[in-house]
Amino acid sequence: MVVGVLWFGHVWLPQALAHLSLLMMYLLIAVAELILKYTETSHLLKF
């Protein structure tokens, strides 16, 4: 039982962390793109 839990954590934890870091990267890129688009449109509205 304990060995199974340790193996499960050892196998799945790095994969879950990798997927989470990828998701965070995608979220950061999407937010940056939204901010860029918003600033561009606001600049267009100003000028």
PDB file of N, CA and C in Angstrom:
ATOM      1  N   MET A   1       0.845  -1.207   0.000  1.00  0.00           N
ATOM      2  CA  MET A   1       0.000   0.000   0.000  1.00  0.00           C
ATOM      3  C   MET A   1       0.880   1.256   0.000  1.00  0.00           C
ATOM      4  N   VAL A   2       1.806   1.344   0.954  1.00  0.00           N
ATOM      5  CA  VAL A   2       2.675   2.520   1.024  1.00  0.00           C
ATOM      6  C   VAL A   2       3.560   2.598  -0.222  1.00  0.00           C
ATOM      7  N   VAL A   3       4.072   1.426  -0.647  1.00  0.00           N
ATOM      8  CA  VAL A   3       4.934   1.412  -1.838  1.00  0.00           C
ATOM      9  C   VAL A   3       4.133   1.871  -3.049  1.00  0.00           C
ATOM     10  N   GLY A   4       2.874   1.459  -3.147  1.00  0.00           N
ATOM     11  CA  GLY A   4       2.031   1.882  -4.262  1.00  0.00           C
ATOM     12  C   GLY A   4       1.817   3.385  -4.263  1.00  0.00           C
ATOM     13  N   VAL A   5       1.580   3.951  -3.079  1.00  0.00           N
ATOM     14  CA  VAL A   5       1.372   5.403  -2.984  1.00  0.00           C
ATOM     15  C   VAL A   5       2.651   6.144  -3.364  1.00  0.00           C
ATOM     16  N   LEU A   6       3.793   5.649  -2.865  1.00  0.00           N
ATOM     17  CA  LEU A   6       5.072   6.294  -3.200  1.00  0.00           C
ATOM     18  C   LEU A   6       5.325   6.218  -4.698  1.00  0.00           C
ATOM     19  N   TRP A   7       5.075   5.052  -5.300  1.00  0.00           N
ATOM     20  CA  TRP A   7       5.283   4.908  -6.744  1.00  0.00           C
ATOM     21  C   TRP A   7       4.336   5.823  -7.500  1.00  0.00           C
ATOM     22  N   PHE A   8       3.075   5.862  -7.070  1.00  0.00           N
ATOM     23  CA  PHE A   8       2.078   6.727  -7.732  1.00  0.00           C
ATOM     24  C   PHE A   8       2.540   8.183  -7.688  1.00  0.00           C
ATOM     25  N   GLY A   9       2.966   8.649  -6.506  1.00  0.00           N
ATOM     26  CA  GLY A   9       3.424  10.028  -6.385  1.00  0.00           C
ATOM     27  C   GLY A   9       4.687  10.264  -7.200  1.00  0.00           C
ATOM     28  N   HIS A  10       5.594   9.275  -7.206  1.00  0.00           N
ATOM     29  CA  HIS A  10       6.851   9.447  -7.930  1.00  0.00           C
ATOM     30  C   HIS A  10       6.609   9.498  -9.435  1.00  0.00           C
ATOM     31  N   VAL A  11       5.627   8.747  -9.916  1.00  0.00           N
ATOM     32  CA  VAL A  11       5.385   8.688 -11.364  1.00  0.00           C
ATOM     33  C   VAL A  11       4.510   9.856 -11.818  1.00  0.00           C
ATOM     34  N   TRP A  12       3.461  10.147 -11.059  1.00  0.00           N
ATOM     35  CA  TRP A  12       2.464  11.107 -11.549  1.00  0.00           C
ATOM     36  C   TRP A  12       2.732  12.545 -11.140  1.00  0.00           C
ATOM     37  N   LEU A  13       3.435  12.754 -10.023  1.00  0.00           N
ATOM     38  CA  LEU A  13       3.656  14.130  -9.558  1.00  0.00           C
ATOM     39  C   LEU A  13       4.475  14.948 -10.555  1.00  0.00           C
ATOM     40  N   PRO A  14       5.612  14.438 -11.064  1.00  0.00           N
ATOM     41  CA  PRO A  14       6.368  15.233 -12.050  1.00  0.00           C
ATOM     42  C   PRO A  14       5.547  15.523 -13.296  1.00  0.00           C
ATOM     43  N   GLN A  15       4.757  14.549 -13.761  1.00  0.00           N
ATOM     44  CA  GLN A  15       3.936  14.772 -14.947  1.00  0.00           C
ATOM     45  C   GLN A  15       2.888  15.848 -14.666  1.00  0.00           C
ATOM     46  N   ALA A  16       2.260  15.790 -13.495  1.00  0.00           N
ATOM     47  CA  ALA A  16       1.247  16.793 -13.154  1.00  0.00           C
ATOM     48  C   ALA A  16       1.891  18.172 -13.057  1.00  0.00           C
ATOM     49  N   LEU A  17       3.074  18.252 -12.468  1.00  0.00           N
ATOM     50  CA  LEU A  17       3.763  19.542 -12.365  1.00  0.00           C
ATOM     51  C   LEU A  17       4.128  20.061 -13.754  1.00  0.00           C
ATOM     52  N   ALA A  18       4.563  19.162 -14.634  1.00  0.00           N
ATOM     53  CA  ALA A  18       4.917  19.583 -15.987  1.00  0.00           C
ATOM     54  C   ALA A  18       3.680  20.121 -16.703  1.00  0.00           C
ATOM     55  N   HIS A  19       2.554  19.397 -16.586  1.00  0.00           N
ATOM     56  CA  HIS A  19       1.328  19.860 -17.240  1.00  0.00           C
ATOM     57  C   HIS A  19       0.886  21.200 -16.656  1.00  0.00           C
ATOM     58  N   LEU A  20       1.018  21.365 -15.335  1.00  0.00           N
ATOM     59  CA  LEU A  20       0.621  22.630 -14.705  1.00  0.00           C
ATOM     60  C   LEU A  20       1.496  23.779 -15.200  1.00  0.00           C
ATOM     61  N   SER A  21       2.805  23.523 -15.311  1.00  0.00           N
ATOM     62  CA  SER A  21       3.694  24.591 -15.786  1.00  0.00           C
ATOM     63  C   SER A  21       3.356  24.945 -17.230  1.00  0.00           C
ATOM     64  N   LEU A  22       3.023  23.937 -18.048  1.00  0.00           N
ATOM     65  CA  LEU A  22       2.631  24.212 -19.437  1.00  0.00           C
ATOM     66  C   LEU A  22       1.357  25.039 -19.460  1.00  0.00           C
ATOM     67  N   LEU A  23       0.383  24.663 -18.623  1.00  0.00           N
ATOM     68  CA  LEU A  23      -0.875  25.419 -18.590  1.00  0.00           C
ATOM     69  C   LEU A  23      -0.614  26.855 -18.141  1.00  0.00           C
ATOM     70  N   MET A  24       0.252  27.039 -17.153  1.00  0.00           N
ATOM     71  CA  MET A  24       0.547  28.394 -16.692  1.00  0.00           C
ATOM     72  C   MET A  24       1.215  29.203 -17.802  1.00  0.00           C
ATOM     73  N   MET A  25       2.109  28.549 -18.557  1.00  0.00           N
ATOM     74  CA  MET A  25       2.756  29.248 -19.665  1.00  0.00           C
ATOM     75  C   MET A  25       1.720  29.686 -20.696  1.00  0.00           C
ATOM     76  N   TYR A  26       0.799  28.762 -21.058  1.00  0.00           N
ATOM     77  CA  TYR A  26      -0.238  29.106 -22.037  1.00  0.00           C
ATOM     78  C   TYR A  26      -1.110  30.244 -21.512  1.00  0.00           C
ATOM     79  N   LEU A  27      -1.451  30.190 -20.220  1.00  0.00           N
ATOM     80  CA  LEU A  27      -2.278  31.252 -19.641  1.00  0.00           C
ATOM     81  C   LEU A  27      -1.553  32.590 -19.678  1.00  0.00           C
ATOM     82  N   LEU A  28      -0.261  32.579 -19.344  1.00  0.00           N
ATOM     83  CA  LEU A  28       0.507  33.823 -19.367  1.00  0.00           C
ATOM     84  C   LEU A  28       0.571  34.390 -20.779  1.00  0.00           C
ATOM     85  N   ILE A  29       0.778  33.509 -21.767  1.00  0.00           N
ATOM     86  CA  ILE A  29       0.842  33.973 -23.160  1.00  0.00           C
ATOM     87  C   ILE A  29      -0.503  34.546 -23.577  1.00  0.00           C
ATOM     88  N   ALA A  30      -1.588  33.868 -23.213  1.00  0.00           N
ATOM     89  CA  ALA A  30      -2.923  34.350 -23.600  1.00  0.00           C
ATOM     90  C   ALA A  30      -3.201  35.702 -22.948  1.00  0.00           C
ATOM     91  N   VAL A  31      -2.849  35.849 -21.671  1.00  0.00           N
ATOM     92  CA  VAL A  31      -3.081  37.129 -20.984  1.00  0.00           C
ATOM     93  C   VAL A  31      -2.235  38.230 -21.617  1.00  0.00           C
ATOM     94  N   ALA A  32      -0.981  37.909 -21.951  1.00  0.00           N
ATOM     95  CA  ALA A  32      -0.112  38.914 -22.578  1.00  0.00           C
ATOM     96  C   ALA A  32      -0.703  39.344 -23.923  1.00  0.00           C
ATOM     97  N   GLU A  33      -1.191  38.385 -24.706  1.00  0.00           N
ATOM     98  CA  GLU A  33      -1.785  38.728 -26.000  1.00  0.00           C
ATOM     99  C   GLU A  33      -3.017  39.601 -25.802  1.00  0.00           C
ATOM    100  N   LEU A  34      -3.854  39.260 -24.805  1.00  0.00           N
ATOM    101  CA  LEU A  34      -5.043  40.075 -24.547  1.00  0.00           C
ATOM    102  C   LEU A  34      -4.641  41.492 -24.144  1.00  0.00           C
ATOM    103  N   ILE A  35      -3.630  41.610 -23.301  1.00  0.00           N
ATOM    104  CA  ILE A  35      -3.189  42.945 -22.867  1.00  0.00           C
ATOM    105  C   ILE A  35      -2.657  43.731 -24.056  1.00  0.00           C
ATOM    106  N   LEU A  36      -1.879  43.059 -24.918  1.00  0.00           N
ATOM    107  CA  LEU A  36      -1.346  43.742 -26.103  1.00  0.00           C
ATOM    108  C   LEU A  36      -2.487  44.217 -26.995  1.00  0.00           C
ATOM    109  N   LYS A  37      -3.459  43.340 -27.223  1.00  0.00           N
ATOM    110  CA  LYS A  37      -4.589  43.727 -28.068  1.00  0.00           C
ATOM    111  C   LYS A  37      -5.351  44.896 -27.448  1.00  0.00           C
ATOM    112  N   TYR A  38      -5.555  44.847 -26.137  1.00  0.00           N
ATOM    113  CA  TYR A  38      -6.293  45.916 -25.468  1.00  0.00           C
ATOM    114  C   TYR A  38      -5.532  47.239 -25.555  1.00  0.00           C
ATOM    115  N   THR A  39      -4.220  47.202 -25.330  1.00  0.00           N
ATOM    116  CA  THR A  39      -3.433  48.439 -25.403  1.00  0.00           C
ATOM    117  C   THR A  39      -3.416  48.960 -26.828  1.00  0.00           C
ATOM    118  N   GLU A  40      -3.337  48.057 -27.813  1.00  0.00           N
ATOM    119  CA  GLU A  40      -3.347  48.498 -29.204  1.00  0.00           C
ATOM    120  C   GLU A  40      -4.661  49.187 -29.540  1.00  0.00           C
ATOM    121  N   THR A  41      -5.774  48.592 -29.128  1.00  0.00           N
ATOM    122  CA  THR A  41      -7.076  49.193 -29.432  1.00  0.00           C
ATOM    123  C   THR A  41      -7.233  50.515 -28.688  1.00  0.00           C
ATOM    124  N   SER A  42      -6.735  50.586 -27.452  1.00  0.00           N
ATOM    125  CA  SER A  42      -6.847  51.848 -26.698  1.00  0.00           C
ATOM    126  C   SER A  42      -5.993  52.916 -27.371  1.00  0.00           C
ATOM    127  N   HIS A  43      -4.811  52.545 -27.865  1.00  0.00           N
ATOM    128  CA  HIS A  43      -3.978  53.516 -28.579  1.00  0.00           C
ATOM    129  C   HIS A  43      -4.695  53.980 -29.847  1.00  0.00           C
ATOM    130  N   LEU A  44      -5.329  53.027 -30.532  1.00  0.00           N
ATOM    131  CA  LEU A  44      -6.051  53.398 -31.753  1.00  0.00           C
ATOM    132  C   LEU A  44      -7.195  54.344 -31.404  1.00  0.00           C
ATOM    133  N   LEU A  45      -7.869  54.085 -30.279  1.00  0.00           N
ATOM    134  CA  LEU A  45      -8.980  54.955 -29.899  1.00  0.00           C
ATOM    135  C   LEU A  45      -8.460  56.339 -29.508  1.00  0.00           C
ATOM    136  N   LYS A  46      -7.295  56.392 -28.873  1.00  0.00           N
ATOM    137  CA  LYS A  46      -6.739  57.685 -28.467  1.00  0.00           C
ATOM    138  C   LYS A  46      -6.347  58.500 -29.698  1.00  0.00           C
ATOM    139  N   PHE A  47      -5.683  57.858 -30.665  1.00  0.00           N
ATOM    140  CA  PHE A  47      -5.233  58.582 -31.861  1.00  0.00           C
ATOM    141  C   PHE A  47      -6.207  58.380 -32.982  1.00  0.00           C
TER     142      PHE A  47
END
